[in-house]
C-alpha atoms as a PDB file:
ATOM      1  CA  MET A   1     -20.804   2.587  -3.535  1.00  0.00           C
ATOM      2  CA  GLN A   2     -22.584   4.411  -6.313  1.00  0.00           C
ATOM      3  CA  SER A   3     -21.784   3.098  -9.753  1.00  0.00           C
ATOM      4  CA  SER A   4     -21.831   6.614 -11.164  1.00  0.00           C
ATOM      5  CA  ALA A   5     -19.007   7.577  -8.826  1.00  0.00           C
ATOM      6  CA  VAL A   6     -16.983   4.594  -9.941  1.00  0.00           C
ATOM      7  CA  GLY A   7     -17.389   5.598 -13.564  1.00  0.00           C
ATOM      8  CA  ARG A   8     -16.481   9.232 -12.910  1.00  0.00           C
ATOM      9  CA  TYR A   9     -13.419   8.792 -10.773  1.00  0.00           C
ATOM     10  CA  GLY A  10     -12.052   5.509 -12.052  1.00  0.00           C
ATOM     11  CA  PHE A  11     -11.680   3.531  -8.849  1.00  0.00           C
ATOM     12  CA  THR A  12     -13.788   1.462  -6.470  1.00  0.00           C
ATOM     13  CA  PRO A  13     -12.679   1.632  -2.816  1.00  0.00           C
ATOM     14  CA  PHE A  14     -12.262  -1.421  -0.622  1.00  0.00           C
ATOM     15  CA  ALA A  15     -15.127  -2.201   1.710  1.00  0.00           C
ATOM     16  CA  GLY A  16     -14.780  -1.273   5.355  1.00  0.00           C
ATOM     17  CA  SER A  17     -14.808   1.646   7.742  1.00  0.00           C
ATOM     18  CA  ASN A  18     -12.910   4.870   7.076  1.00  0.00           C
ATOM     19  CA  GLY A  19     -12.399   3.920   3.466  1.00  0.00           C
ATOM     20  CA  GLY A  20     -11.272   0.454   4.471  1.00  0.00           C
ATOM     21  CA  ARG A  21      -8.463   0.411   1.936  1.00  0.00           C
ATOM     22  CA  ASN A  22      -6.456  -2.095   3.943  1.00  0.00           C
ATOM     23  CA  SER A  23      -9.278  -4.558   4.325  1.00  0.00           C
ATOM     24  CA  VAL A  24     -11.048  -6.836   1.851  1.00  0.00           C
ATOM     25  CA  PRO A  25     -11.039  -6.196  -1.900  1.00  0.00           C
ATOM     26  CA  VAL A  26     -14.343  -5.730  -3.674  1.00  0.00           C
ATOM     27  CA  LYS A  27     -15.452  -8.756  -5.701  1.00  0.00           C
ATOM     28  CA  ALA A  28     -14.683  -8.279  -9.367  1.00  0.00           C
ATOM     29  CA  SER A  29     -17.715  -7.201 -11.358  1.00  0.00           C
ATOM     30  CA  GLY A  30     -19.655 -10.012 -13.000  1.00  0.00           C
ATOM     31  CA  VAL A  31     -17.361 -12.867 -11.990  1.00  0.00           C
ATOM     32  CA  SER A  32     -16.982 -15.036  -8.918  1.00  0.00           C
ATOM     33  CA  VAL A  33     -13.495 -14.614  -7.495  1.00  0.00           C
ATOM     34  CA  HIS A  34     -13.557 -18.322  -6.632  1.00  0.00           C
ATOM     35  CA  HIS A  35     -13.667 -19.352 -10.312  1.00  0.00           C
ATOM     36  CA  HIS A  36     -10.417 -18.679 -12.190  1.00  0.00           C
ATOM     37  CA  PRO A  37      -9.993 -15.001 -11.207  1.00  0.00           C
ATOM     38  CA  ARG A  38      -6.604 -14.908 -12.953  1.00  0.00           C
ATOM     39  CA  ARG A  39      -8.019 -15.920 -16.308  1.00  0.00           C
ATOM     40  CA  ARG A  40      -8.036 -13.464 -19.175  1.00  0.00           C
ATOM     41  CA  ARG A  41     -11.064 -11.159 -19.217  1.00  0.00           C
ATOM     42  CA  PRO A  42     -13.017 -11.624 -22.454  1.00  0.00           C
ATOM     43  CA  GLU A  43     -13.037  -7.830 -22.875  1.00  0.00           C
ATOM     44  CA  ASN A  44      -9.325  -7.914 -23.784  1.00  0.00           C
ATOM     45  CA  VAL A  45      -8.391  -7.949 -27.448  1.00  0.00           C
ATOM     46  CA  ASP A  46      -6.401 -10.949 -28.651  1.00  0.00           C
ATOM     47  CA  GLY A  47      -2.661 -10.769 -28.207  1.00  0.00           C
ATOM     48  CA  GLU A  48       0.202 -10.854 -25.742  1.00  0.00           C
ATOM     49  CA  PHE A  49      -1.023  -8.530 -22.969  1.00  0.00           C
ATOM     50  CA  PHE A  50      -4.221  -9.037 -20.990  1.00  0.00           C
ATOM     51  CA  VAL A  51      -5.960  -8.071 -17.740  1.00  0.00           C
ATOM     52  CA  ASP A  52      -7.530 -10.693 -15.475  1.00  0.00           C
ATOM     53  CA  HIS A  53     -10.676 -10.627 -13.317  1.00  0.00           C
ATOM     54  CA  THR A  54      -8.875  -9.409 -10.157  1.00  0.00           C
ATOM     55  CA  CYS A  55      -8.558  -5.840 -11.462  1.00  0.00           C
ATOM     56  CA  ILE A  56      -9.764  -3.349  -8.821  1.00  0.00           C
ATOM     57  CA  ASP A  57     -10.325  -0.490 -11.286  1.00  0.00           C
ATOM     58  CA  CYS A  58      -7.649   1.744  -9.767  1.00  0.00           C
ATOM     59  CA  ASP A  59      -7.017   3.417 -13.151  1.00  0.00           C
ATOM     60  CA  ALA A  60      -3.192   3.288 -12.939  1.00  0.00           C
ATOM     61  CA  CYS A  61      -2.579   1.284 -16.110  1.00  0.00           C
ATOM     62  CA  ARG A  62      -4.959   3.491 -18.062  1.00  0.00           C
ATOM     63  CA  TRP A  63      -3.002   6.680 -17.445  1.00  0.00           C
ATOM     64  CA  MET A  64       0.401   5.015 -17.515  1.00  0.00           C
ATOM     65  CA  ALA A  65      -0.202   3.280 -20.872  1.00  0.00           C
ATOM     66  CA  PRO A  66      -3.302   4.878 -22.426  1.00  0.00           C
ATOM     67  CA  GLN A  67      -2.424   3.486 -25.863  1.00  0.00           C
ATOM     68  CA  SER A  68      -3.033  -0.054 -24.582  1.00  0.00           C
ATOM     69  CA  PHE A  69      -5.465  -0.011 -21.644  1.00  0.00           C
ATOM     70  CA  THR A  70      -9.018   1.241 -21.267  1.00  0.00           C
ATOM     71  CA  ARG A  71     -12.004   0.729 -18.966  1.00  0.00           C
ATOM     72  CA  VAL A  72     -14.620  -1.868 -19.904  1.00  0.00           C
ATOM     73  CA  GLY A  73     -17.279  -3.047 -17.463  1.00  0.00           C
ATOM     74  CA  GLU A  74     -15.804  -1.371 -14.360  1.00  0.00           C
ATOM     75  CA  GLN A  75     -12.397  -2.998 -14.857  1.00  0.00           C
ATOM     76  CA  SER A  76      -9.410  -2.425 -17.095  1.00  0.00           C
ATOM     77  CA  ALA A  77      -8.802  -4.287 -20.336  1.00  0.00           C
ATOM     78  CA  VAL A  78      -6.349  -4.218 -23.214  1.00  0.00           C
ATOM     79  CA  PHE A  79      -8.042  -2.564 -26.201  1.00  0.00           C
ATOM     80  CA  ASN A  80      -4.917  -2.226 -28.324  1.00  0.00           C
ATOM     81  CA  GLN A  81      -1.837  -4.448 -28.200  1.00  0.00           C
ATOM     82  CA  PRO A  82       1.464  -2.515 -28.157  1.00  0.00           C
ATOM     83  CA  SER A  83       2.655  -1.945 -31.711  1.00  0.00           C
ATOM     84  CA  CYS A  84       6.057  -0.338 -31.091  1.00  0.00           C
ATOM     85  CA  GLY A  85       8.859  -0.335 -28.544  1.00  0.00           C
ATOM     86  CA  GLU A  86       7.585   2.732 -26.681  1.00  0.00           C
ATOM     87  CA  GLU A  87       4.093   1.297 -26.304  1.00  0.00           C
ATOM     88  CA  ARG A  88       5.509  -2.028 -25.127  1.00  0.00           C
ATOM     89  CA  LEU A  89       7.699  -0.260 -22.569  1.00  0.00           C
ATOM     90  CA  LYS A  90       4.732   1.640 -21.142  1.00  0.00           C
ATOM     91  CA  ALA A  91       2.576  -1.503 -21.038  1.00  0.00           C
ATOM     92  CA  LEU A  92       5.282  -3.374 -19.120  1.00  0.00           C
ATOM     93  CA  GLN A  93       5.744  -0.438 -16.736  1.00  0.00           C
ATOM     94  CA  ALA A  94       1.996  -0.565 -16.086  1.00  0.00           C
ATOM     95  CA  LEU A  95       2.231  -4.334 -15.563  1.00  0.00           C
ATOM     96  CA  LEU A  96       4.909  -3.857 -12.904  1.00  0.00           C
ATOM     97  CA  SER A  97       2.935  -1.034 -11.256  1.00  0.00           C
ATOM     98  CA  CYS A  98      -0.409  -2.854 -11.057  1.00  0.00           C
ATOM     99  CA  PRO A  99      -1.207  -3.137  -7.313  1.00  0.00           C
ATOM    100  CA  THR A 100      -2.967  -6.495  -7.686  1.00  0.00           C
ATOM    101  CA  ALA A 101      -0.723  -8.030 -10.377  1.00  0.00           C
ATOM    102  CA  SER A 102      -3.776  -8.218 -12.643  1.00  0.00           C
ATOM    103  CA  ILE A 103      -1.873  -7.518 -15.875  1.00  0.00           C
ATOM    104  CA  HIS A 104      -0.143 -10.407 -17.643  1.00  0.00           C
ATOM    105  CA  THR A 105       1.598 -11.480 -20.820  1.00  0.00           C
ATOM    106  CA  GLU A 106       1.029 -14.810 -22.554  1.00  0.00           C
ATOM    107  CA  LYS A 107       4.693 -15.699 -22.023  1.00  0.00           C
ATOM    108  CA  PRO A 108       7.257 -14.281 -19.576  1.00  0.00           C
ATOM    109  CA  PRO A 109       8.513 -11.055 -21.177  1.00  0.00           C
ATOM    110  CA  HIS A 110      12.174 -11.313 -22.152  1.00  0.00           C
ATOM    111  CA  ASP A 111      12.809  -7.640 -21.350  1.00  0.00           C
ATOM    112  CA  ILE A 112      11.143  -7.357 -17.944  1.00  0.00           C
ATOM    113  CA  LEU A 113      14.426  -6.986 -16.025  1.00  0.00           C
ATOM    114  CA  GLU A 114      15.410  -4.045 -18.216  1.00  0.00           C
ATOM    115  CA  VAL A 115      12.019  -2.437 -17.667  1.00  0.00           C
ATOM    116  CA  GLN A 116      12.460  -2.754 -13.896  1.00  0.00           C
ATOM    117  CA  LYS A 117      15.548  -0.568 -14.230  1.00  0.00           C
ATOM    118  CA  THR A 118      13.503   2.297 -15.697  1.00  0.00           C
ATOM    119  CA  PHE A 119      11.905   3.036 -12.314  1.00  0.00           C
ATOM    120  CA  PRO A 120      11.455   5.542 -10.842  1.00  0.00           C
ATOM    121  CA  LEU A 121      10.115   7.227 -13.965  1.00  0.00           C
ATOM    122  CA  PRO A 122      10.969  10.882 -14.750  1.00  0.00           C
ATOM    123  CA  ILE A 123       7.709  12.786 -15.163  1.00  0.00           C
ATOM    124  CA  ASP A 124       9.022  15.631 -17.331  1.00  0.00           C
ATOM    125  CA  GLU A 125      12.788  16.042 -17.354  1.00  0.00           C
ATOM    126  CA  GLN A 126      12.600  19.420 -19.100  1.00  0.00           C
ATOM    127  CA  ARG A 127       9.897  21.148 -17.062  1.00  0.00           C
ATOM    128  CA  ILE A 128      10.167  19.486 -13.651  1.00  0.00           C
ATOM    129  CA  PRO A 129      13.634  17.893 -13.480  1.00  0.00           C
ATOM    130  CA  GLY A 130      14.250  15.614 -10.525  1.00  0.00           C
ATOM    131  CA  VAL A 131      10.587  14.663 -10.042  1.00  0.00           C
ATOM    132  CA  TYR A 132       9.822  10.970 -10.496  1.00  0.00           C
ATOM    133  CA  HIS A 133       6.863   8.606 -10.406  1.00  0.00           C
ATOM    134  CA  CYS A 134       7.904   5.597  -8.308  1.00  0.00           C
ATOM    135  CA  GLY A 135       5.553   3.075  -9.937  1.00  0.00           C
ATOM    136  CA  TYR A 136       4.965  -0.210  -8.080  1.00  0.00           C
ATOM    137  CA  HIS A 137       1.611   0.920  -6.693  1.00  0.00           C
ATOM    138  CA  SER A 138       0.502  -0.830  -3.502  1.00  0.00           C
ATOM    139  CA  LYS A 139      -2.805  -2.603  -2.977  1.00  0.00           C
ATOM    140  CA  LYS A 140      -2.598  -1.388   0.637  1.00  0.00           C
ATOM    141  CA  SER A 141      -3.278   2.135  -0.621  1.00  0.00           C
ATOM    142  CA  PHE A 142      -5.655   1.029  -3.375  1.00  0.00           C
ATOM    143  CA  GLY A 143      -3.051   1.665  -6.025  1.00  0.00           C
ATOM    144  CA  ALA A 144      -2.116   5.236  -5.090  1.00  0.00           C
ATOM    145  CA  ALA A 145       0.784   6.839  -6.946  1.00  0.00           C
ATOM    146  CA  SER A 146       3.910   7.793  -5.042  1.00  0.00           C
ATOM    147  CA  TYR A 147       6.708  10.131  -6.053  1.00  0.00           C
ATOM    148  CA  LEU A 148      10.395  10.849  -5.490  1.00  0.00           C
ATOM    149  CA  ILE A 149      11.814  14.372  -5.455  1.00  0.00           C
ATOM    150  CA  VAL A 150      15.576  14.590  -5.958  1.00  0.00           C
ATOM    151  CA  HIS A 151      16.869  17.722  -4.232  1.00  0.00           C
ATOM    152  CA  PRO A 152      20.343  18.918  -3.152  1.00  0.00           C
ATOM    153  CA  ASP A 153      19.170  19.370   0.443  1.00  0.00           C
ATOM    154  CA  GLY A 154      17.889  15.802   0.627  1.00  0.00           C
ATOM    155  CA  ASN A 155      15.445  13.760  -1.424  1.00  0.00           C
ATOM    156  CA  ILE A 156      11.786  13.397  -0.493  1.00  0.00           C
ATOM    157  CA  LEU A 157       9.655  10.299  -1.012  1.00  0.00           C
ATOM    158  CA  VAL A 158       5.990  11.329  -1.290  1.00  0.00           C
ATOM    159  CA  ASP A 159       3.650   8.590  -0.020  1.00  0.00           C
ATOM    160  CA  SER A 160       4.569   4.935  -0.243  1.00  0.00           C
ATOM    161  CA  PRO A 161       4.977   2.589  -3.166  1.00  0.00           C
ATOM    162  CA  SER A 162       4.879  -1.132  -2.604  1.00  0.00           C
ATOM    163  CA  TYR A 163       8.204  -2.171  -1.131  1.00  0.00           C
ATOM    164  CA  LYS A 164      10.447  -3.678  -3.792  1.00  0.00           C
ATOM    165  CA  GLU A 165      14.171  -4.128  -3.305  1.00  0.00           C
ATOM    166  CA  THR A 166      14.807  -3.412  -6.983  1.00  0.00           C
ATOM    167  CA  LEU A 167      13.092  -0.031  -6.589  1.00  0.00           C
ATOM    168  CA  ALA A 168      14.944   0.649  -3.336  1.00  0.00           C
ATOM    169  CA  LYS A 169      18.276   0.156  -5.096  1.00  0.00           C
ATOM    170  CA  ARG A 170      17.255   2.505  -7.883  1.00  0.00           C
ATOM    171  CA  ILE A 171      16.206   5.164  -5.359  1.00  0.00           C
ATOM    172  CA  GLU A 172      19.537   4.717  -3.594  1.00  0.00           C
ATOM    173  CA  MET A 173      21.309   5.376  -6.887  1.00  0.00           C
ATOM    174  CA  LEU A 174      19.455   8.714  -7.034  1.00  0.00           C
ATOM    175  CA  GLY A 175      20.594   9.642  -3.519  1.00  0.00           C
ATOM    176  CA  GLY A 176      18.123   7.795  -1.293  1.00  0.00           C
ATOM    177  CA  ALA A 177      15.617   9.815   0.715  1.00  0.00           C
ATOM    178  CA  ARG A 178      15.974  12.155   3.668  1.00  0.00           C
ATOM    179  CA  TYR A 179      12.252  12.514   4.250  1.00  0.00           C
ATOM    180  CA  MET A 180       9.120  10.511   3.537  1.00  0.00           C
ATOM    181  CA  PHE A 181       6.138  12.839   3.325  1.00  0.00           C
ATOM    182  CA  LEU A 182       2.844  11.020   3.954  1.00  0.00           C
ATOM    183  CA  THR A 183      -0.124  13.011   2.656  1.00  0.00           C
ATOM    184  CA  HIS A 184      -2.704  11.148   4.768  1.00  0.00           C
ATOM    185  CA  LYS A 185      -3.397   7.854   6.510  1.00  0.00           C
ATOM    186  CA  ASP A 186      -4.856   5.984   3.527  1.00  0.00           C
ATOM    187  CA  ASP A 187      -1.694   5.999   1.415  1.00  0.00           C
ATOM    188  CA  VAL A 188       1.010   5.029   3.914  1.00  0.00           C
ATOM    189  CA  ALA A 189       1.267   1.432   2.547  1.00  0.00           C
ATOM    190  CA  ASP A 190       4.798   0.068   3.262  1.00  0.00           C
ATOM    191  CA  HIS A 191       6.039   3.265   4.923  1.00  0.00           C
ATOM    192  CA  ASP A 192       7.735   1.374   7.746  1.00  0.00           C
ATOM    193  CA  ARG A 193       9.804  -0.815   5.422  1.00  0.00           C
ATOM    194  CA  TRP A 194      10.842   2.167   3.333  1.00  0.00           C
ATOM    195  CA  ALA A 195      11.778   4.220   6.397  1.00  0.00           C
ATOM    196  CA  LYS A 196      13.957   1.405   7.687  1.00  0.00           C
ATOM    197  CA  ARG A 197      15.539   0.682   4.296  1.00  0.00           C
ATOM    198  CA  LEU A 198      16.285   4.304   3.376  1.00  0.00           C
ATOM    199  CA  ASN A 199      16.811   5.596   6.929  1.00  0.00           C
ATOM    200  CA  CYS A 200      14.479   8.513   6.251  1.00  0.00           C
ATOM    201  CA  GLU A 201      12.322  10.584   8.595  1.00  0.00           C
ATOM    202  CA  ARG A 202       8.596  10.244   8.044  1.00  0.00           C
ATOM    203  CA  ILE A 203       6.242  13.231   8.181  1.00  0.00           C
ATOM    204  CA  LEU A 204       2.515  12.873   8.912  1.00  0.00           C
ATOM    205  CA  HIS A 205      -0.080  15.098  10.526  1.00  0.00           C
ATOM    206  CA  SER A 206      -0.960  14.015  14.064  1.00  0.00           C
ATOM    207  CA  GLU A 207      -4.665  13.789  13.105  1.00  0.00           C
ATOM    208  CA  GLU A 208      -3.725  10.980  10.699  1.00  0.00           C
ATOM    209  CA  VAL A 209      -1.672   8.884  13.111  1.00  0.00           C
ATOM    210  CA  GLN A 210      -2.988   5.381  13.748  1.00  0.00           C
ATOM    211  CA  SER A 211      -1.497   2.295  15.373  1.00  0.00           C
ATOM    212  CA  GLY A 212       0.524   1.457  12.266  1.00  0.00           C
ATOM    213  CA  THR A 213       2.039   4.939  12.077  1.00  0.00           C
ATOM    214  CA  SER A 214       2.546   5.687  15.776  1.00  0.00           C
ATOM    215  CA  ALA A 215       6.333   5.561  15.300  1.00  0.00           C
ATOM    216  CA  VAL A 216       6.368   8.254  12.601  1.00  0.00           C
ATOM    217  CA  GLU A 217       9.228  10.593  13.453  1.00  0.00           C
ATOM    218  CA  MET A 218       7.633  13.977  12.642  1.00  0.00           C
ATOM    219  CA  GLN A 219       3.981  14.254  13.700  1.00  0.00           C
ATOM    220  CA  LEU A 220       2.786  17.730  12.808  1.00  0.00           C
ATOM    221  CA  GLN A 221       0.177  19.531  14.860  1.00  0.00           C
ATOM    222  CA  GLY A 222      -2.050  22.483  14.164  1.00  0.00           C
ATOM    223  CA  GLU A 223      -2.845  24.069  10.817  1.00  0.00           C
ATOM    224  CA  GLY A 224       0.619  25.091   9.617  1.00  0.00           C
ATOM    225  CA  PRO A 225       1.875  25.841   7.075  1.00  0.00           C
ATOM    226  CA  TRP A 226       5.252  24.227   7.660  1.00  0.00           C
ATOM    227  CA  SER A 227       8.490  24.475   5.680  1.00  0.00           C
ATOM    228  CA  LEU A 228      11.142  21.979   4.669  1.00  0.00           C
ATOM    229  CA  GLY A 229      14.028  24.283   3.862  1.00  0.00           C
ATOM    230  CA  SER A 230      13.294  27.149   1.512  1.00  0.00           C
ATOM    231  CA  ASP A 231      11.854  25.143  -1.398  1.00  0.00           C
ATOM    232  CA  PHE A 232       9.056  23.094   0.149  1.00  0.00           C
ATOM    233  CA  GLU A 233       5.870  24.065   1.948  1.00  0.00           C
ATOM    234  CA  LEU A 234       3.528  21.645   3.700  1.00  0.00           C
ATOM    235  CA  ILE A 235      -0.082  22.793   3.410  1.00  0.00           C
ATOM    236  CA  PHE A 236      -2.845  21.634   5.751  1.00  0.00           C
ATOM    237  CA  THR A 237      -5.824  20.628   3.580  1.00  0.00           C
ATOM    238  CA  PRO A 238      -8.349  18.764   5.770  1.00  0.00           C
ATOM    239  CA  GLY A 239     -11.510  17.352   4.254  1.00  0.00           C
ATOM    240  CA  HIS A 240     -10.797  14.044   2.544  1.00  0.00           C
ATOM    241  CA  THR A 241      -9.494  12.995   5.952  1.00  0.00           C
ATOM    242  CA  GLU A 242      -9.077  14.959   9.181  1.00  0.00           C
ATOM    243  CA  GLY A 243      -5.439  15.885   8.721  1.00  0.00           C
ATOM    244  CA  CYS A 244      -4.481  15.384   5.094  1.00  0.00           C
ATOM    245  CA  MET A 245      -1.790  17.642   3.670  1.00  0.00           C
ATOM    246  CA  CYS A 246      -0.345  18.691   0.330  1.00  0.00           C
ATOM    247  CA  LEU A 247       3.316  19.299  -0.452  1.00  0.00           C
ATOM    248  CA  LEU A 248       4.257  22.307  -2.597  1.00  0.00           C
ATOM    249  CA  TYR A 249       7.601  22.266  -4.423  1.00  0.00           C
ATOM    250  CA  LYS A 250       7.788  26.010  -4.871  1.00  0.00           C
ATOM    251  CA  PRO A 251      10.595  26.561  -7.416  1.00  0.00           C
ATOM    252  CA  LEU A 252       9.100  24.046  -9.868  1.00  0.00           C
ATOM    253  CA  LYS A 253       5.474  24.949  -9.006  1.00  0.00           C
ATOM    254  CA  VAL A 254       4.453  21.339  -8.362  1.00  0.00           C
ATOM    255  CA  LEU A 255       1.713  20.411  -5.881  1.00  0.00           C
ATOM    256  CA  PHE A 256       1.665  16.849  -4.557  1.00  0.00           C
ATOM    257  CA  SER A 257      -1.986  16.608  -3.619  1.00  0.00           C
ATOM    258  CA  GLY A 258      -2.477  13.102  -2.210  1.00  0.00           C
ATOM    259  CA  ASP A 259      -6.221  12.441  -2.393  1.00  0.00           C
ATOM    260  CA  HIS A 260      -7.199  16.078  -1.840  1.00  0.00           C
ATOM    261  CA  PHE A 261      -8.006  16.681  -5.500  1.00  0.00           C
ATOM    262  CA  ALA A 262      -6.913  15.589  -8.965  1.00  0.00           C
ATOM    263  CA  ASN A 263      -7.750  15.684 -12.632  1.00  0.00           C
ATOM    264  CA  SER A 264     -10.569  13.474 -13.857  1.00  0.00           C
ATOM    265  CA  ARG A 265     -10.487  11.427 -17.056  1.00  0.00           C
ATOM    266  CA  ASP A 266     -12.489  14.306 -18.561  1.00  0.00           C
ATOM    267  CA  ASN A 267      -9.499  16.593 -17.862  1.00  0.00           C
ATOM    268  CA  GLU A 268     -11.344  18.611 -15.236  1.00  0.00           C
ATOM    269  CA  LEU A 269     -10.340  19.087 -11.610  1.00  0.00           C
ATOM    270  CA  THR A 270     -12.403  17.022  -9.211  1.00  0.00           C
ATOM    271  CA  ILE A 271     -12.658  15.849  -5.631  1.00  0.00           C
ATOM    272  CA  PHE A 272     -13.793  12.368  -4.663  1.00  0.00           C
ATOM    273  CA  GLU A 273     -16.744  13.369  -2.489  1.00  0.00           C
ATOM    274  CA  ASN A 274     -18.240   9.881  -2.632  1.00  0.00           C
ATOM    275  CA  TYR A 275     -15.021   8.640  -1.035  1.00  0.00           C
ATOM    276  CA  ASN A 276     -14.706  11.364   1.563  1.00  0.00           C
ATOM    277  CA  TRP A 277     -13.943  10.054   5.041  1.00  0.00           C
ATOM    278  CA  TYR A 278     -14.299  13.304   6.997  1.00  0.00           C
ATOM    279  CA  SER A 279     -16.059  16.401   5.571  1.00  0.00           C
ATOM    280  CA  VAL A 280     -16.917  17.461   2.027  1.00  0.00           C
ATOM    281  CA  PRO A 281     -17.502  21.122   3.065  1.00  0.00           C
ATOM    282  CA  LYS A 282     -14.072  21.142   4.746  1.00  0.00           C
ATOM    283  CA  GLN A 283     -12.515  19.660   1.628  1.00  0.00           C
ATOM    284  CA  ILE A 284     -14.085  22.327  -0.576  1.00  0.00           C
ATOM    285  CA  GLU A 285     -12.841  24.985   1.849  1.00  0.00           C
ATOM    286  CA  SER A 286      -9.342  23.500   1.584  1.00  0.00           C
ATOM    287  CA  VAL A 287      -9.530  23.552  -2.218  1.00  0.00           C
ATOM    288  CA  ARG A 288     -10.350  27.286  -2.088  1.00  0.00           C
ATOM    289  CA  LYS A 289      -7.301  27.780   0.118  1.00  0.00           C
ATOM    290  CA  LEU A 290      -5.075  26.642  -2.755  1.00  0.00           C
ATOM    291  CA  LEU A 291      -5.992  29.727  -4.782  1.00  0.00           C
ATOM    292  CA  ASP A 292      -3.415  31.507  -2.601  1.00  0.00           C
ATOM    293  CA  TYR A 293      -0.590  29.294  -3.879  1.00  0.00           C
ATOM    294  CA  GLU A 294       1.330  29.292  -7.137  1.00  0.00           C
ATOM    295  CA  PHE A 295       1.583  25.926  -8.881  1.00  0.00           C
ATOM    296  CA  GLU A 296       1.239  24.641 -12.419  1.00  0.00           C
ATOM    297  CA  TRP A 297       1.322  20.895 -11.824  1.00  0.00           C
ATOM    298  CA  ILE A 298      -0.864  18.640  -9.681  1.00  0.00           C
ATOM    299  CA  LEU A 299       0.568  15.191  -8.966  1.00  0.00           C
ATOM    300  CA  PRO A 300      -2.086  13.233  -7.030  1.00  0.00           C
ATOM    301  CA  GLY A 301      -2.244   9.896  -5.251  1.00  0.00           C
ATOM    302  CA  HIS A 302      -5.450   8.847  -6.994  1.00  0.00           C
ATOM    303  CA  GLY A 303      -6.778  10.405 -10.157  1.00  0.00           C
ATOM    304  CA  ARG A 304      -4.973  11.947 -13.106  1.00  0.00           C
ATOM    305  CA  ARG A 305      -2.186  14.500 -13.214  1.00  0.00           C
ATOM    306  CA  ALA A 306      -2.910  18.088 -14.167  1.00  0.00           C
ATOM    307  CA  LYS A 307      -0.591  20.453 -16.054  1.00  0.00           C
ATOM    308  CA  PHE A 308      -1.489  24.127 -16.527  1.00  0.00           C
ATOM    309  CA  ARG A 309       0.029  26.769 -18.779  1.00  0.00           C
ATOM    310  CA  ASP A 310       0.394  29.131 -15.838  1.00  0.00           C
ATOM    311  CA  THR A 311      -1.008  29.957 -12.412  1.00  0.00           C
ATOM    312  CA  GLN A 312      -3.886  31.891 -13.958  1.00  0.00           C
ATOM    313  CA  GLU A 313      -5.079  28.784 -15.788  1.00  0.00           C
ATOM    314  CA  LYS A 314      -4.738  26.820 -12.554  1.00  0.00           C
ATOM    315  CA  ASP A 315      -6.844  29.400 -10.719  1.00  0.00           C
ATOM    316  CA  SER A 316      -9.528  29.218 -13.400  1.00  0.00           C
ATOM    317  CA  ALA A 317      -9.677  25.429 -13.102  1.00  0.00           C
ATOM    318  CA  VAL A 318      -9.872  25.605  -9.303  1.00  0.00           C
ATOM    319  CA  LYS A 319     -12.617  28.234  -9.440  1.00  0.00           C
ATOM    320  CA  ALA A 320     -14.595  26.118 -11.914  1.00  0.00           C
ATOM    321  CA  LEU A 321     -14.380  23.168  -9.512  1.00  0.00           C
ATOM    322  CA  LEU A 322     -15.454  25.349  -6.582  1.00  0.00           C
ATOM    323  CA  THR A 323     -18.436  26.716  -8.508  1.00  0.00           C
ATOM    324  CA  ILE A 324     -19.719  23.207  -9.212  1.00  0.00           C
ATOM    325  CA  LYS A 325     -19.117  21.806  -5.735  1.00  0.00           C
ATOM    326  CA  GLU A 326     -20.384  24.815  -3.780  1.00  0.00           C
ATOM    327  CA  LYS A 327     -23.550  24.825  -5.880  1.00  0.00           C
ATOM    328  CA  GLY A 328     -23.995  21.157  -5.007  1.00  0.00           C
ATOM    329  CA  LEU A 329     -23.685  21.927  -1.299  1.00  0.00           C
ATOM    330  CA  LEU A 330     -26.317  24.658  -1.573  1.00  0.00           C
ATOM    331  CA  GLN A 331     -28.712  22.251  -3.249  1.00  0.00           C
ATOM    332  CA  LEU A 332     -28.215  19.782  -0.391  1.00  0.00           C
ATOM    333  CA  ALA A 333     -28.750  22.434   2.288  1.00  0.00           C
END
């Protein structure tokens, strides 16, 4: 993979066909994984928290606890030890969410059980009440974020976190889940265990079905759109993969975008064309399609969240992305 792409998008995919995210992890940069991979990286500052050499550069800790974690040498590192209770809480939440358990403390944290009880994490209780980040990212989906939507007609789990019984109990306390919406085949992770535990119906486009998802209850066909009640619309957005979809929570104007597009660390919308497993032109076409929809939040699987003042600002950001990417396609033609 191109190093420039790694630096831009903040993650390095697993080796293998079709993205290969369920195969073999990339060797950590500059260190043999056979020689103390769990040792503290020298790029960490001194202190309690540290990142080891098994970090896969998924970027999760850096947006969950930006006061403590940064990117150094194509992996994460602690650049600033937590200096207050809020910073410590966020660092421990990132520790629990790390897909490869690459974040550590010098001694077992005395408050870790209390931190476990904070999941799932409310994203913005004032602006988008009932929308949660599940945490506990799975290495099977290369650390993709998953979400829980609490809704009176039945809760929706968006993509799959790593299965943890402690998280399952917390989700049950919020009403469980009626549906599990899977944006695409890369981020299904422990979908089967969650479906069994929560007794929820899974939703996946038929183009994304593989042997591990053949038992998915609702396999959508065609180009939609489809509705879940009056508040949710499922939007067909092929490109990253053949049948990937986005979920629009219409009343709160939140788009759950999977790996279709996201914010970059430079706070600009982007697509991961270097990690496209189907068609970049199709993906760009699907991005343009989203100009027809009203949303002010983007909650992605990989990449950073985006929050806009209004739909007009969202449209401007989408158009700016399209201008750049369509120009790139013309140059390649």
